[in-house]
């Protein structure tokens, strides 16, 4: 798969469309800048959710990488290189989860150091951008979980053929 094909597959995917829809909706409903206390709550909630998902997802990736035997990997790679695509999908998703988590931590920390929170408001574009990144990371996670289910089904199929 070429670089252009990968970019096209991301842009035309449902998870990207969902993130775009979240961005448009967030932009539409936010009348203006958000109070720093509200922005901090958004960042804090996102950090909590993303940290849990990142840890579980990273553990799942470790299991997927270490679990298969060589025969099973060859079986998966025969047709459409599903194992390579599965690992690529997980890697992509982990990058987005980590990026969303790190940006949430930076933004939350920045809000914590505001001298006069009653007079400071988080710019709308920052909130919209962050929420879009989080939405994409969560949607990509859901997509990767679907790939993981396909992985489990393929493994069952392989076990049935083997015996």
Protein backbone atom coordinates (compact mmCIF):
# COMPACT_ATOMS: atom_id res chain seq x y z
CA UNK A 1 0.00 0.00 0.00
CA UNK A 2 1.51 3.31 -1.07
CA UNK A 3 1.62 6.39 1.10
CA UNK A 4 -1.13 8.08 -0.95
CA UNK A 5 -3.37 5.01 -0.65
CA UNK A 6 -2.90 5.03 3.13
CA UNK A 7 -3.79 8.72 3.35
CA UNK A 8 -6.85 8.14 1.19
CA UNK A 9 -7.90 5.16 3.32
CA UNK A 10 -7.72 7.33 6.44
CA UNK A 11 -9.56 10.31 4.98
CA UNK A 12 -12.38 8.19 3.56
CA UNK A 13 -12.77 6.04 6.68
CA UNK A 14 -15.77 6.26 9.00
CA UNK A 15 -13.62 7.15 12.03
CA UNK A 16 -12.25 10.23 10.29
CA UNK A 17 -15.77 11.20 9.22
CA UNK A 18 -16.93 10.85 12.82
CA UNK A 19 -14.10 13.07 14.08
CA UNK A 20 -14.97 15.64 11.43
CA UNK A 21 -18.64 15.51 12.45
CA UNK A 22 -17.65 15.99 16.10
CA UNK A 23 -15.49 18.98 15.12
CA UNK A 24 -18.31 20.59 13.14
CA UNK A 25 -20.83 19.94 15.92
CA UNK A 26 -18.48 21.25 18.60
CA UNK A 27 -17.70 24.34 16.52
CA UNK A 28 -21.40 24.93 15.91
CA UNK A 29 -22.49 24.63 19.56
CA UNK A 30 -19.62 26.49 21.18
CA UNK A 31 -20.68 30.12 20.97
CA UNK A 32 -17.23 31.38 21.82
CA UNK A 33 -14.27 30.70 24.07
CA UNK A 34 -14.81 28.27 26.95
CA UNK A 35 -14.18 29.19 30.60
CA UNK A 36 -10.94 27.71 31.85
CA UNK A 37 -12.75 25.67 34.52
CA UNK A 38 -14.96 24.04 31.88
CA UNK A 39 -11.98 23.45 29.60
CA UNK A 40 -10.09 21.85 32.51
CA UNK A 41 -13.02 19.51 33.09
CA UNK A 42 -13.01 18.48 29.41
CA UNK A 43 -9.25 17.85 29.52
CA UNK A 44 -9.39 15.98 32.83
CA UNK A 45 -12.20 13.68 31.69
CA UNK A 46 -10.42 12.98 28.40
CA UNK A 47 -7.16 12.20 30.17
CA UNK A 48 -8.90 9.69 32.46
CA UNK A 49 -10.65 7.91 29.61
CA UNK A 50 -7.66 7.92 27.27
CA UNK A 51 -5.22 6.71 29.94
CA UNK A 52 -7.34 3.65 30.66
CA UNK A 53 -7.91 2.86 27.00
CA UNK A 54 -4.23 3.41 26.15
CA UNK A 55 -3.06 1.00 28.85
CA UNK A 56 -5.53 -1.74 27.91
CA UNK A 57 -4.93 -1.22 24.21
CA UNK A 58 -1.15 -1.41 24.63
CA UNK A 59 -1.53 -4.67 26.57
CA UNK A 60 -3.79 -6.05 23.82
CA UNK A 61 -1.19 -5.19 21.21
CA UNK A 62 1.46 -7.04 23.20
CA UNK A 63 -0.77 -10.12 23.32
CA UNK A 64 -1.48 -9.97 19.58
CA UNK A 65 2.20 -9.63 18.72
CA UNK A 66 3.42 -12.40 21.02
CA UNK A 67 0.55 -14.91 20.83
CA UNK A 68 0.60 -16.28 17.27
CA UNK A 69 2.81 -19.10 16.16
CA UNK A 70 4.73 -18.78 12.90
CA UNK A 71 2.33 -21.07 11.02
CA UNK A 72 -0.60 -18.87 11.98
CA UNK A 73 1.19 -15.70 10.86
CA UNK A 74 1.97 -17.34 7.50
CA UNK A 75 -1.68 -18.39 7.23
CA UNK A 76 -2.84 -14.81 7.85
CA UNK A 77 -0.32 -13.34 5.43
CA UNK A 78 -1.24 -15.67 2.54
CA UNK A 79 -4.37 -13.85 1.46
CA UNK A 80 -4.53 -10.16 2.17
CA UNK A 81 -1.67 -9.70 4.65
CA UNK A 82 -4.11 -9.30 7.49
CA UNK A 83 -1.53 -9.70 10.26
CA UNK A 84 0.64 -6.89 8.87
CA UNK A 85 -2.42 -4.67 8.49
CA UNK A 86 -3.59 -5.54 12.01
CA UNK A 87 -0.26 -4.52 13.54
CA UNK A 88 -0.21 -1.37 11.38
CA UNK A 89 -3.75 -0.51 12.51
CA UNK A 90 -2.82 -0.96 16.15
CA UNK A 91 0.33 1.13 15.74
CA UNK A 92 -1.65 3.94 14.09
CA UNK A 93 -4.25 3.84 16.83
CA UNK A 94 -1.64 3.88 19.59
CA UNK A 95 -0.03 6.96 18.04
CA UNK A 96 -3.37 8.77 18.06
CA UNK A 97 -4.23 7.63 21.58
CA UNK A 98 -0.84 8.76 22.83
CA UNK A 99 -1.07 12.07 20.97
CA UNK A 100 -4.54 12.77 22.36
CA UNK A 101 -3.42 11.80 25.86
CA UNK A 102 -0.25 13.91 25.71
CA UNK A 103 -2.05 16.94 24.28
CA UNK A 104 -4.74 16.63 26.95
CA UNK A 105 -2.08 16.57 29.66
CA UNK A 106 -0.34 19.63 28.21
CA UNK A 107 -3.60 21.56 27.87
CA UNK A 108 -4.78 20.56 31.35
CA UNK A 109 -1.45 21.59 32.87
CA UNK A 110 -1.56 24.89 31.03
CA UNK A 111 -5.05 25.58 32.40
CA UNK A 112 -3.84 24.72 35.91
CA UNK A 113 -1.25 27.49 35.76
CA UNK A 114 -3.66 30.24 34.74
CA UNK A 115 -3.29 33.10 37.22
CA UNK A 116 -6.85 34.42 37.06
CA UNK A 117 -9.15 31.60 35.93
CA UNK A 118 -12.25 33.78 36.13
CA UNK A 119 -10.93 36.10 33.44
CA UNK A 120 -9.28 33.56 31.14
CA UNK A 121 -11.16 31.63 28.46
CA UNK A 122 -9.83 28.78 26.36
CA UNK A 123 -10.02 29.65 22.65
CA UNK A 124 -12.72 27.78 20.77
CA UNK A 125 -10.29 26.45 18.14
CA UNK A 126 -8.22 24.76 20.88
CA UNK A 127 -11.26 22.98 22.33
CA UNK A 128 -12.58 21.99 18.89
CA UNK A 129 -9.17 20.67 17.83
CA UNK A 130 -8.68 18.71 21.02
CA UNK A 131 -12.15 17.18 21.03
CA UNK A 132 -11.69 16.20 17.37
CA UNK A 133 -8.38 14.48 18.13
CA UNK A 134 -9.94 12.61 21.04
CA UNK A 135 -12.95 11.61 18.91
CA UNK A 136 -10.68 10.30 16.16
CA UNK A 137 -8.51 8.40 18.66
CA UNK A 138 -11.57 6.75 20.21
CA UNK A 139 -13.12 5.93 16.84
CA UNK A 140 -9.79 4.51 15.59
CA UNK A 141 -9.67 2.40 18.75
CA UNK A 142 -13.13 1.04 17.99
CA UNK A 143 -12.02 0.24 14.45
CA UNK A 144 -8.89 -1.53 15.72
CA UNK A 145 -11.01 -3.55 18.13
CA UNK A 146 -13.03 -4.70 15.13
CA UNK A 147 -9.77 -5.80 13.52
CA UNK A 148 -8.91 -7.66 16.71
CA UNK A 149 -12.22 -9.53 16.55
CA UNK A 150 -11.43 -10.50 12.95
CA UNK A 151 -8.03 -11.67 14.21
CA UNK A 152 -9.72 -13.92 16.77
CA UNK A 153 -12.09 -15.32 14.14
CA UNK A 154 -9.18 -16.01 11.80
CA UNK A 155 -7.33 -17.74 14.58
CA UNK A 156 -10.34 -19.97 15.23
CA UNK A 157 -10.55 -20.76 11.52
CA UNK A 158 -6.84 -21.64 11.50
CA UNK A 159 -7.25 -23.92 14.51
CA UNK A 160 -10.17 -25.72 12.87
CA UNK A 161 -8.18 -26.30 9.65
CA UNK A 162 -5.21 -27.53 11.59
CA UNK A 163 -7.08 -30.25 13.46
